[in-house]
Amino acid sequence: MKRILRFILMVVFIFYVSLSDAVGQSTGNPADQAGFQFLDRLVGLLVRAVAPGGSSEDLDQDIILLAKELRSALQAKQVDDLFTVRYSRVLSAVRQSALRDPELLYWPMYRFKMVDFIEERTGKMPDWNELLFLVKDHGGSGVGLAMISEAIMSEVVSLHIHLENVNRRPEILKAYMEKSLKNNRPLK
């Protein structure tokens, strides 16, 4: 178990360092800056959560604070709708992974969504036996940060790429449409 935690801490730290470097190279757009700051804070929160002495109660309060600030940032148009929906989903996954549920009351309601999230972000279907082991034998703490760390960091990277390219989106879509119209000749 300690090896798994060390591995997760190392992976999260590496992503944290690379994300911090990229944030420093980001555009000057204030809307982009808020999004990058949210990503940076999320990764920092994950690093603290997997560190020895991390508390699920502290994690829960930090997630709630991030969610409230995200809503405020959306209202102030500092982040876009797509970023908000996807970031909220990551917050939900992190919260559910750390949720104390010893009686397994919540697990039936979110298990398939969690499995879908893991598969969608990693390209791999998680092993049910491993999931059930984590849920049943470790205090019912959701699927655990260990199980979803790769999926979370994949979404962080994807959101980072989104922020870097959000202003280019219309240009990219236009290029695809022009190419598609040019290559598709009418049927005879």
N, C-alpha and C. Protein backbone atom coordinates (compact mmCIF):
# COMPACT_ATOMS: atom_id res chain seq x y z
N MET A 1 0.82 -1.19 0.00
CA MET A 1 0.00 0.00 0.00
C MET A 1 0.87 1.26 0.00
N LYS A 2 1.99 1.20 0.75
CA LYS A 2 2.88 2.36 0.80
C LYS A 2 3.51 2.61 -0.57
N ARG A 3 3.81 1.51 -1.29
CA ARG A 3 4.39 1.67 -2.62
C ARG A 3 3.40 2.35 -3.56
N ILE A 4 2.14 1.99 -3.44
CA ILE A 4 1.12 2.60 -4.29
C ILE A 4 1.02 4.09 -3.98
N LEU A 5 1.01 4.44 -2.70
CA LEU A 5 0.93 5.85 -2.32
C LEU A 5 2.15 6.63 -2.79
N ARG A 6 3.32 6.03 -2.67
CA ARG A 6 4.53 6.71 -3.15
C ARG A 6 4.47 6.93 -4.65
N PHE A 7 4.00 5.88 -5.38
CA PHE A 7 3.90 5.99 -6.83
C PHE A 7 2.93 7.11 -7.20
N ILE A 8 1.77 7.14 -6.55
CA ILE A 8 0.77 8.17 -6.84
C ILE A 8 1.32 9.55 -6.53
N LEU A 9 1.97 9.67 -5.40
CA LEU A 9 2.56 10.95 -5.02
C LEU A 9 3.59 11.40 -6.05
N MET A 10 4.39 10.46 -6.52
CA MET A 10 5.41 10.78 -7.53
C MET A 10 4.75 11.22 -8.83
N VAL A 11 3.72 10.48 -9.30
CA VAL A 11 3.04 10.82 -10.55
C VAL A 11 2.38 12.19 -10.43
N VAL A 12 1.68 12.41 -9.34
CA VAL A 12 1.01 13.69 -9.14
C VAL A 12 2.04 14.82 -9.06
N PHE A 13 3.14 14.58 -8.38
CA PHE A 13 4.18 15.61 -8.27
C PHE A 13 4.76 15.95 -9.64
N ILE A 14 5.03 14.93 -10.45
CA ILE A 14 5.59 15.18 -11.79
C ILE A 14 4.62 16.00 -12.62
N PHE A 15 3.33 15.62 -12.60
CA PHE A 15 2.33 16.40 -13.33
C PHE A 15 2.22 17.80 -12.76
N TYR A 16 2.32 17.93 -11.45
CA TYR A 16 2.24 19.23 -10.79
C TYR A 16 3.38 20.14 -11.27
N VAL A 17 4.59 19.60 -11.31
CA VAL A 17 5.74 20.39 -11.75
C VAL A 17 5.59 20.79 -13.21
N SER A 18 5.20 19.83 -14.06
CA SER A 18 5.07 20.16 -15.47
C SER A 18 3.92 21.13 -15.71
N LEU A 19 2.84 21.00 -14.95
CA LEU A 19 1.73 21.92 -15.08
C LEU A 19 2.12 23.31 -14.60
N SER A 20 2.88 23.39 -13.52
CA SER A 20 3.33 24.68 -13.01
C SER A 20 4.22 25.38 -14.03
N ASP A 21 5.11 24.63 -14.69
CA ASP A 21 5.95 25.21 -15.73
C ASP A 21 5.11 25.73 -16.88
N ALA A 22 4.10 24.95 -17.28
CA ALA A 22 3.25 25.35 -18.39
C ALA A 22 2.41 26.57 -18.04
N VAL A 23 1.97 26.67 -16.80
CA VAL A 23 1.19 27.83 -16.39
C VAL A 23 2.01 29.09 -16.55
N GLY A 24 3.28 29.01 -16.26
CA GLY A 24 4.16 30.16 -16.41
C GLY A 24 4.30 30.59 -17.86
N GLN A 25 4.08 29.66 -18.80
CA GLN A 25 4.21 29.95 -20.22
C GLN A 25 2.86 30.24 -20.87
N SER A 26 1.80 30.33 -20.10
CA SER A 26 0.46 30.48 -20.66
C SER A 26 0.26 31.87 -21.25
N THR A 27 -0.86 32.01 -21.96
CA THR A 27 -1.16 33.28 -22.59
C THR A 27 -1.51 34.32 -21.53
N GLY A 28 -1.59 35.56 -21.94
CA GLY A 28 -1.90 36.63 -21.02
C GLY A 28 -3.39 36.84 -20.83
N ASN A 29 -4.22 36.03 -21.44
CA ASN A 29 -5.66 36.16 -21.33
C ASN A 29 -6.11 35.87 -19.90
N PRO A 30 -6.80 36.81 -19.24
CA PRO A 30 -7.23 36.61 -17.85
C PRO A 30 -8.15 35.39 -17.68
N ALA A 31 -8.99 35.11 -18.69
CA ALA A 31 -9.87 33.94 -18.58
C ALA A 31 -9.03 32.66 -18.53
N ASP A 32 -7.98 32.62 -19.33
CA ASP A 32 -7.10 31.45 -19.31
C ASP A 32 -6.39 31.36 -17.97
N GLN A 33 -5.96 32.46 -17.43
CA GLN A 33 -5.22 32.45 -16.17
C GLN A 33 -6.04 31.83 -15.05
N ALA A 34 -7.31 32.17 -14.95
CA ALA A 34 -8.16 31.61 -13.89
C ALA A 34 -8.24 30.10 -14.04
N GLY A 35 -8.42 29.61 -15.26
CA GLY A 35 -8.50 28.17 -15.49
C GLY A 35 -7.21 27.47 -15.09
N PHE A 36 -6.08 28.05 -15.48
CA PHE A 36 -4.78 27.45 -15.11
C PHE A 36 -4.60 27.45 -13.60
N GLN A 37 -5.07 28.49 -12.94
CA GLN A 37 -4.96 28.54 -11.48
C GLN A 37 -5.83 27.47 -10.83
N PHE A 38 -7.00 27.23 -11.38
CA PHE A 38 -7.86 26.15 -10.85
C PHE A 38 -7.17 24.80 -11.01
N LEU A 39 -6.56 24.56 -12.16
CA LEU A 39 -5.87 23.29 -12.38
C LEU A 39 -4.70 23.15 -11.41
N ASP A 40 -3.95 24.21 -11.23
CA ASP A 40 -2.80 24.19 -10.32
C ASP A 40 -3.24 23.89 -8.90
N ARG A 41 -4.33 24.51 -8.48
CA ARG A 41 -4.84 24.28 -7.11
C ARG A 41 -5.35 22.85 -6.93
N LEU A 42 -5.98 22.30 -7.97
CA LEU A 42 -6.47 20.93 -7.89
C LEU A 42 -5.31 19.94 -7.74
N VAL A 43 -4.27 20.13 -8.52
CA VAL A 43 -3.12 19.22 -8.43
C VAL A 43 -2.45 19.38 -7.07
N GLY A 44 -2.34 20.60 -6.58
CA GLY A 44 -1.79 20.82 -5.24
C GLY A 44 -2.62 20.13 -4.17
N LEU A 45 -3.92 20.19 -4.33
CA LEU A 45 -4.83 19.52 -3.39
C LEU A 45 -4.61 18.01 -3.42
N LEU A 46 -4.41 17.44 -4.61
CA LEU A 46 -4.17 16.00 -4.72
C LEU A 46 -2.85 15.61 -4.08
N VAL A 47 -1.83 16.43 -4.27
CA VAL A 47 -0.53 16.15 -3.66
C VAL A 47 -0.67 16.12 -2.13
N ARG A 48 -1.38 17.10 -1.58
CA ARG A 48 -1.59 17.13 -0.13
C ARG A 48 -2.43 15.94 0.33
N ALA A 49 -3.40 15.53 -0.47
CA ALA A 49 -4.30 14.44 -0.07
C ALA A 49 -3.58 13.10 0.03
N VAL A 50 -2.61 12.85 -0.87
CA VAL A 50 -1.92 11.56 -0.84
C VAL A 50 -0.69 11.58 0.06
N ALA A 51 -0.31 12.75 0.53
CA ALA A 51 0.82 12.84 1.44
C ALA A 51 0.45 12.26 2.79
N PRO A 52 1.42 11.73 3.51
CA PRO A 52 1.12 11.20 4.84
C PRO A 52 0.47 12.28 5.71
N GLY A 53 -0.55 11.88 6.44
CA GLY A 53 -1.26 12.81 7.31
C GLY A 53 -2.38 13.56 6.63
N GLY A 54 -2.62 13.27 5.33
CA GLY A 54 -3.72 13.91 4.62
C GLY A 54 -5.05 13.45 5.19
N SER A 55 -5.99 14.36 5.27
CA SER A 55 -7.29 14.06 5.87
C SER A 55 -8.39 14.21 4.84
N SER A 56 -9.34 13.26 4.82
CA SER A 56 -10.44 13.34 3.87
C SER A 56 -11.37 14.51 4.21
N GLU A 57 -11.42 14.90 5.49
CA GLU A 57 -12.26 16.05 5.87
C GLU A 57 -11.69 17.34 5.29
N ASP A 58 -10.36 17.49 5.37
CA ASP A 58 -9.72 18.67 4.79
C ASP A 58 -9.91 18.69 3.28
N LEU A 59 -9.75 17.53 2.65
CA LEU A 59 -9.91 17.40 1.21
C LEU A 59 -11.33 17.80 0.81
N ASP A 60 -12.31 17.34 1.56
CA ASP A 60 -13.70 17.65 1.26
C ASP A 60 -13.96 19.15 1.31
N GLN A 61 -13.44 19.82 2.34
CA GLN A 61 -13.63 21.27 2.46
C GLN A 61 -12.94 22.01 1.32
N ASP A 62 -11.74 21.56 0.94
CA ASP A 62 -11.02 22.20 -0.17
C ASP A 62 -11.78 22.03 -1.48
N ILE A 63 -12.37 20.86 -1.70
CA ILE A 63 -13.13 20.62 -2.92
C ILE A 63 -14.36 21.52 -2.96
N ILE A 64 -15.04 21.64 -1.84
CA ILE A 64 -16.22 22.51 -1.77
C ILE A 64 -15.83 23.96 -2.06
N LEU A 65 -14.72 24.40 -1.50
CA LEU A 65 -14.24 25.76 -1.75
C LEU A 65 -13.92 25.96 -3.23
N LEU A 66 -13.24 24.99 -3.85
CA LEU A 66 -12.93 25.10 -5.28
C LEU A 66 -14.21 25.15 -6.11
N ALA A 67 -15.21 24.35 -5.75
CA ALA A 67 -16.47 24.35 -6.49
C ALA A 67 -17.17 25.70 -6.39
N LYS A 68 -17.17 26.30 -5.22
CA LYS A 68 -17.80 27.62 -5.04
C LYS A 68 -17.05 28.68 -5.85
N GLU A 69 -15.73 28.64 -5.79
CA GLU A 69 -14.93 29.61 -6.54
C GLU A 69 -15.08 29.42 -8.05
N LEU A 70 -15.25 28.16 -8.47
CA LEU A 70 -15.46 27.88 -9.89
C LEU A 70 -16.77 28.50 -10.38
N ARG A 71 -17.83 28.37 -9.58
CA ARG A 71 -19.11 29.00 -9.95
C ARG A 71 -18.96 30.52 -10.05
N SER A 72 -18.24 31.10 -9.12
CA SER A 72 -18.02 32.55 -9.16
C SER A 72 -17.21 32.95 -10.39
N ALA A 73 -16.20 32.16 -10.71
CA ALA A 73 -15.38 32.45 -11.89
C ALA A 73 -16.19 32.32 -13.18
N LEU A 74 -17.10 31.36 -13.23
CA LEU A 74 -17.96 31.22 -14.40
C LEU A 74 -18.88 32.43 -14.54
N GLN A 75 -19.47 32.86 -13.43
CA GLN A 75 -20.35 34.02 -13.46
C GLN A 75 -19.59 35.28 -13.88
N ALA A 76 -18.32 35.36 -13.50
CA ALA A 76 -17.49 36.51 -13.86
C ALA A 76 -16.87 36.33 -15.25
N LYS A 77 -17.21 35.24 -15.93
CA LYS A 77 -16.72 34.91 -17.27
C LYS A 77 -15.19 34.79 -17.31
N GLN A 78 -14.62 34.28 -16.21
CA GLN A 78 -13.18 34.02 -16.16
C GLN A 78 -12.84 32.64 -16.69
N VAL A 79 -13.84 31.75 -16.72
CA VAL A 79 -13.70 30.41 -17.31
C VAL A 79 -14.92 30.17 -18.18
N ASP A 80 -14.77 29.29 -19.16
CA ASP A 80 -15.89 29.01 -20.06
C ASP A 80 -16.72 27.83 -19.55
N ASP A 81 -17.87 27.63 -20.20
CA ASP A 81 -18.80 26.58 -19.77
C ASP A 81 -18.18 25.19 -19.85
N LEU A 82 -17.48 24.91 -20.93
CA LEU A 82 -16.89 23.58 -21.11
C LEU A 82 -15.87 23.28 -20.01
N PHE A 83 -15.02 24.22 -19.71
CA PHE A 83 -14.05 24.05 -18.64
C PHE A 83 -14.78 23.79 -17.32
N THR A 84 -15.82 24.56 -17.07
CA THR A 84 -16.56 24.45 -15.81
C THR A 84 -17.19 23.07 -15.64
N VAL A 85 -17.81 22.56 -16.68
CA VAL A 85 -18.46 21.25 -16.61
C VAL A 85 -17.42 20.16 -16.37
N ARG A 86 -16.34 20.20 -17.12
CA ARG A 86 -15.33 19.15 -16.99
C ARG A 86 -14.56 19.24 -15.68
N TYR A 87 -14.27 20.44 -15.22
CA TYR A 87 -13.57 20.62 -13.95
C TYR A 87 -14.47 20.19 -12.79
N SER A 88 -15.75 20.51 -12.88
CA SER A 88 -16.70 20.09 -11.84
C SER A 88 -16.76 18.57 -11.77
N ARG A 89 -16.70 17.93 -12.92
CA ARG A 89 -16.71 16.46 -12.96
C ARG A 89 -15.48 15.89 -12.28
N VAL A 90 -14.33 16.51 -12.48
CA VAL A 90 -13.11 16.05 -11.82
C VAL A 90 -13.23 16.25 -10.31
N LEU A 91 -13.75 17.39 -9.89
CA LEU A 91 -13.95 17.62 -8.46
C LEU A 91 -14.87 16.56 -7.86
N SER A 92 -15.92 16.24 -8.58
CA SER A 92 -16.85 15.21 -8.12
C SER A 92 -16.15 13.86 -8.00
N ALA A 93 -15.34 13.51 -8.99
CA ALA A 93 -14.62 12.22 -8.95
C ALA A 93 -13.66 12.18 -7.77
N VAL A 94 -12.95 13.27 -7.53
CA VAL A 94 -12.01 13.32 -6.40
C VAL A 94 -12.76 13.19 -5.09
N ARG A 95 -13.85 13.91 -4.98
CA ARG A 95 -14.64 13.87 -3.74
C ARG A 95 -15.20 12.47 -3.50
N GLN A 96 -15.73 11.85 -4.53
CA GLN A 96 -16.28 10.51 -4.37
C GLN A 96 -15.20 9.48 -4.06
N SER A 97 -14.02 9.68 -4.59
CA SER A 97 -12.94 8.72 -4.34
C SER A 97 -12.47 8.77 -2.89
N ALA A 98 -12.65 9.91 -2.24
CA ALA A 98 -12.20 10.05 -0.86
C ALA A 98 -13.35 9.95 0.14
N LEU A 99 -14.56 9.81 -0.37
CA LEU A 99 -15.75 9.79 0.47
C LEU A 99 -15.77 8.58 1.40
N ARG A 100 -16.06 8.82 2.66
CA ARG A 100 -16.20 7.73 3.64
C ARG A 100 -17.59 7.13 3.47
N ASP A 101 -17.64 5.86 3.15
CA ASP A 101 -18.91 5.17 2.94
C ASP A 101 -18.80 3.72 3.43
N PRO A 102 -18.56 3.53 4.74
CA PRO A 102 -18.32 2.17 5.25
C PRO A 102 -19.50 1.23 5.07
N GLU A 103 -20.70 1.75 5.00
CA GLU A 103 -21.87 0.88 4.81
C GLU A 103 -22.16 0.64 3.34
N LEU A 104 -21.36 1.23 2.44
CA LEU A 104 -21.52 1.12 0.99
C LEU A 104 -22.90 1.60 0.53
N LEU A 105 -23.35 2.69 1.12
CA LEU A 105 -24.65 3.25 0.74
C LEU A 105 -24.57 4.02 -0.57
N TYR A 106 -23.48 4.73 -0.80
CA TYR A 106 -23.35 5.56 -2.00
C TYR A 106 -22.82 4.79 -3.20
N TRP A 107 -22.03 3.77 -2.94
CA TRP A 107 -21.34 3.03 -4.00
C TRP A 107 -22.27 2.58 -5.14
N PRO A 108 -23.44 2.00 -4.88
CA PRO A 108 -24.30 1.58 -6.00
C PRO A 108 -24.74 2.73 -6.90
N MET A 109 -24.79 3.94 -6.36
CA MET A 109 -25.26 5.09 -7.14
C MET A 109 -24.19 5.67 -8.07
N TYR A 110 -22.94 5.53 -7.71
CA TYR A 110 -21.92 6.17 -8.54
C TYR A 110 -20.90 5.22 -9.14
N ARG A 111 -20.98 3.94 -8.87
CA ARG A 111 -19.94 3.02 -9.33
C ARG A 111 -19.77 3.01 -10.84
N PHE A 112 -20.87 3.00 -11.59
CA PHE A 112 -20.73 2.94 -13.04
C PHE A 112 -20.20 4.25 -13.62
N LYS A 113 -20.58 5.36 -13.01
CA LYS A 113 -20.05 6.65 -13.46
C LYS A 113 -18.55 6.73 -13.21
N MET A 114 -18.12 6.21 -12.08
CA MET A 114 -16.70 6.23 -11.75
C MET A 114 -15.93 5.33 -12.72
N VAL A 115 -16.46 4.16 -13.01
CA VAL A 115 -15.82 3.24 -13.96
C VAL A 115 -15.77 3.89 -15.34
N ASP A 116 -16.86 4.53 -15.75
CA ASP A 116 -16.87 5.22 -17.04
C ASP A 116 -15.83 6.33 -17.09
N PHE A 117 -15.72 7.09 -16.00
CA PHE A 117 -14.73 8.17 -15.94
C PHE A 117 -13.32 7.61 -16.10
N ILE A 118 -13.02 6.55 -15.39
CA ILE A 118 -11.68 5.94 -15.46
C ILE A 118 -11.41 5.45 -16.88
N GLU A 119 -12.37 4.74 -17.45
CA GLU A 119 -12.16 4.20 -18.80
C GLU A 119 -12.04 5.31 -19.83
N GLU A 120 -12.88 6.31 -19.73
CA GLU A 120 -12.85 7.41 -20.70
C GLU A 120 -11.53 8.18 -20.67
N ARG A 121 -11.00 8.39 -19.50
CA ARG A 121 -9.78 9.19 -19.37
C ARG A 121 -8.49 8.38 -19.56
N THR A 122 -8.53 7.06 -19.30
CA THR A 122 -7.31 6.26 -19.42
C THR A 122 -7.32 5.34 -20.63
N GLY A 123 -8.51 5.07 -21.15
CA GLY A 123 -8.63 4.12 -22.26
C GLY A 123 -8.65 2.67 -21.80
N LYS A 124 -8.65 2.46 -20.49
CA LYS A 124 -8.65 1.10 -19.94
C LYS A 124 -9.82 0.92 -18.99
N MET A 125 -10.47 -0.23 -19.11
CA MET A 125 -11.55 -0.57 -18.17
C MET A 125 -10.91 -1.03 -16.87
N PRO A 126 -11.29 -0.42 -15.73
CA PRO A 126 -10.70 -0.86 -14.47
C PRO A 126 -11.17 -2.27 -14.10
N ASP A 127 -10.35 -2.96 -13.35
CA ASP A 127 -10.64 -4.31 -12.90
C ASP A 127 -11.66 -4.26 -11.76
N TRP A 128 -12.81 -4.93 -11.94
CA TRP A 128 -13.86 -4.91 -10.93
C TRP A 128 -13.38 -5.47 -9.60
N ASN A 129 -12.59 -6.52 -9.64
CA ASN A 129 -12.11 -7.12 -8.39
C ASN A 129 -11.25 -6.13 -7.60
N GLU A 130 -10.43 -5.38 -8.31
CA GLU A 130 -9.60 -4.37 -7.66
C GLU A 130 -10.46 -3.25 -7.07
N LEU A 131 -11.48 -2.83 -7.83
CA LEU A 131 -12.39 -1.79 -7.34
C LEU A 131 -13.11 -2.24 -6.08
N LEU A 132 -13.65 -3.44 -6.11
CA LEU A 132 -14.40 -3.93 -4.95
C LEU A 132 -13.49 -4.11 -3.74
N PHE A 133 -12.24 -4.52 -3.97
CA PHE A 133 -11.28 -4.64 -2.88
C PHE A 133 -11.08 -3.28 -2.22
N LEU A 134 -10.88 -2.26 -3.03
CA LEU A 134 -10.67 -0.91 -2.48
C LEU A 134 -11.89 -0.42 -1.73
N VAL A 135 -13.07 -0.68 -2.28
CA VAL A 135 -14.29 -0.18 -1.66
C VAL A 135 -14.61 -0.94 -0.38
N LYS A 136 -14.58 -2.25 -0.42
CA LYS A 136 -14.99 -3.06 0.73
C LYS A 136 -13.95 -3.13 1.83
N ASP A 137 -12.70 -3.29 1.47
CA ASP A 137 -11.67 -3.58 2.47
C ASP A 137 -10.90 -2.37 2.97
N HIS A 138 -11.23 -1.19 2.49
CA HIS A 138 -10.52 0.00 2.95
C HIS A 138 -11.50 1.05 3.47
N GLY A 139 -12.39 0.61 4.32
CA GLY A 139 -13.30 1.55 4.98
C GLY A 139 -14.39 2.09 4.09
N GLY A 140 -14.54 1.54 2.90
CA GLY A 140 -15.58 2.03 2.00
C GLY A 140 -15.30 3.41 1.47
N SER A 141 -14.04 3.79 1.36
CA SER A 141 -13.69 5.13 0.91
C SER A 141 -13.75 5.24 -0.61
N GLY A 142 -14.93 5.14 -1.15
CA GLY A 142 -15.10 5.26 -2.60
C GLY A 142 -14.16 4.33 -3.32
N VAL A 143 -13.65 4.74 -4.44
CA VAL A 143 -12.68 3.91 -5.16
C VAL A 143 -11.26 4.32 -4.83
N GLY A 144 -11.10 5.33 -4.03
CA GLY A 144 -9.78 5.74 -3.60
C GLY A 144 -9.04 6.55 -4.65
N LEU A 145 -8.27 7.51 -4.17
CA LEU A 145 -7.48 8.34 -5.08
C LEU A 145 -6.48 7.51 -5.87
N ALA A 146 -6.00 6.42 -5.28
CA ALA A 146 -5.04 5.57 -5.98
C ALA A 146 -5.64 5.03 -7.27
N MET A 147 -6.91 4.68 -7.22
CA MET A 147 -7.55 4.06 -8.37
C MET A 147 -7.82 5.06 -9.49
N ILE A 148 -8.08 6.31 -9.16
CA ILE A 148 -8.46 7.26 -10.20
C ILE A 148 -7.40 8.32 -10.49
N SER A 149 -6.23 8.22 -9.89
CA SER A 149 -5.23 9.28 -10.08
C SER A 149 -4.83 9.45 -11.54
N GLU A 150 -4.66 8.35 -12.26
CA GLU A 150 -4.28 8.46 -13.67
C GLU A 150 -5.39 9.14 -14.48
N ALA A 151 -6.63 8.79 -14.19
CA ALA A 151 -7.76 9.40 -14.89
C ALA A 151 -7.86 10.89 -14.57
N ILE A 152 -7.66 11.25 -13.33
CA ILE A 152 -7.73 12.66 -12.93
C ILE A 152 -6.64 13.46 -13.63
N MET A 153 -5.42 12.94 -13.62
CA MET A 153 -4.32 13.69 -14.23
C MET A 153 -4.47 13.77 -15.74
N SER A 154 -5.06 12.75 -16.35
CA SER A 154 -5.34 12.80 -17.78
C SER A 154 -6.32 13.93 -18.09
N GLU A 155 -7.33 14.08 -17.26
CA GLU A 155 -8.30 15.16 -17.45
C GLU A 155 -7.67 16.53 -17.18
N VAL A 156 -6.77 16.61 -16.21
CA VAL A 156 -6.06 17.87 -15.95
C VAL A 156 -5.27 18.30 -17.18
N VAL A 157 -4.56 17.36 -17.77
CA VAL A 157 -3.78 17.66 -18.98
C VAL A 157 -4.71 18.07 -20.12
N SER A 158 -5.81 17.36 -20.27
CA SER A 158 -6.78 17.67 -21.33
C SER A 158 -7.37 19.06 -21.13
N LEU A 159 -7.69 19.41 -19.90
CA LEU A 159 -8.22 20.76 -19.62
C LEU A 159 -7.15 21.82 -19.87
N HIS A 160 -5.92 21.51 -19.57
CA HIS A 160 -4.82 22.44 -19.83
C HIS A 160 -4.73 22.72 -21.34
N ILE A 161 -4.81 21.66 -22.13
CA ILE A 161 -4.76 21.82 -23.59
C ILE A 161 -5.96 22.62 -24.06
N HIS A 162 -7.12 22.37 -23.48
CA HIS A 162 -8.31 23.15 -23.81
C HIS A 162 -8.08 24.64 -23.56
N LEU A 163 -7.52 24.97 -22.40
CA LEU A 163 -7.27 26.37 -22.08
C LEU A 163 -6.29 27.02 -23.03
N GLU A 164 -5.28 26.26 -23.44
CA GLU A 164 -4.30 26.81 -24.38
C GLU A 164 -4.90 27.08 -25.76
N ASN A 165 -5.96 26.35 -26.10
CA ASN A 165 -6.50 26.44 -27.45
C ASN A 165 -7.92 26.99 -27.53
N VAL A 166 -8.49 27.42 -26.42
CA VAL A 166 -9.88 27.86 -26.43
C VAL A 166 -10.10 29.04 -27.39
N ASN A 167 -9.15 29.93 -27.50
CA ASN A 167 -9.30 31.07 -28.40
C ASN A 167 -9.15 30.68 -29.87
N ARG A 168 -8.49 29.57 -30.12
CA ARG A 168 -8.28 29.08 -31.49
C ARG A 168 -9.42 28.17 -31.95
N ARG A 169 -10.34 27.85 -31.07
CA ARG A 169 -11.40 26.89 -31.39
C ARG A 169 -12.17 27.25 -32.67
N PRO A 170 -12.66 28.48 -32.83
CA PRO A 170 -13.39 28.80 -34.07
C PRO A 170 -12.51 28.61 -35.32
N GLU A 171 -11.25 29.01 -35.22
CA GLU A 171 -10.31 28.86 -36.34
C GLU A 171 -10.10 27.38 -36.69
N ILE A 172 -9.96 26.54 -35.68
CA ILE A 172 -9.76 25.11 -35.90
C ILE A 172 -11.00 24.49 -36.53
N LEU A 173 -12.18 24.81 -36.00
CA LEU A 173 -13.43 24.28 -36.56
C LEU A 173 -13.63 24.73 -38.00
N LYS A 174 -13.32 25.98 -38.28
CA LYS A 174 -13.45 26.49 -39.64
C LYS A 174 -12.53 25.73 -40.59
N ALA A 175 -11.30 25.48 -40.18
CA ALA A 175 -10.36 24.75 -41.03
C ALA A 175 -10.87 23.34 -41.33
N TYR A 176 -11.43 22.67 -40.33
CA TYR A 176 -11.99 21.33 -40.57
C TYR A 176 -13.17 21.38 -41.54
N MET A 177 -14.04 22.36 -41.36
CA MET A 177 -15.21 22.47 -42.23
C MET A 177 -14.79 22.77 -43.67
N GLU A 178 -13.84 23.69 -43.85
CA GLU A 178 -13.38 24.01 -45.20
C GLU A 178 -12.73 22.80 -45.85
N LYS A 179 -11.92 22.09 -45.11
CA LYS A 179 -11.26 20.89 -45.65
C LYS A 179 -12.30 19.84 -46.01
N SER A 180 -13.29 19.66 -45.17
CA SER A 180 -14.34 18.67 -45.41
C SER A 180 -15.15 19.03 -46.65
N LEU A 181 -15.54 20.30 -46.77
CA LEU A 181 -16.31 20.73 -47.93
C LEU A 181 -15.49 20.61 -49.22
N LYS A 182 -14.22 20.89 -49.14
CA LYS A 182 -13.34 20.81 -50.31
C LYS A 182 -13.17 19.37 -50.77
N ASN A 183 -13.03 18.44 -49.83
CA ASN A 183 -12.77 17.03 -50.15
C ASN A 183 -14.01 16.25 -50.51
N ASN A 184 -15.18 16.72 -50.13
CA ASN A 184 -16.42 15.99 -50.43
C ASN A 184 -17.08 16.55 -51.66
N ARG A 185 -17.04 15.77 -52.71
CA ARG A 185 -17.67 16.19 -53.96
C ARG A 185 -19.11 15.66 -53.98
N PRO A 186 -19.99 16.34 -54.67
CA PRO A 186 -21.37 15.85 -54.71
C PRO A 186 -21.47 14.48 -55.39
N LEU A 187 -22.39 13.67 -54.91
CA LEU A 187 -22.61 12.36 -55.49
C LEU A 187 -23.37 12.50 -56.81
N LYS A 188 -23.06 11.62 -57.76
CA LYS A 188 -23.73 11.67 -59.06
C LYS A 188 -24.84 10.67 -59.12
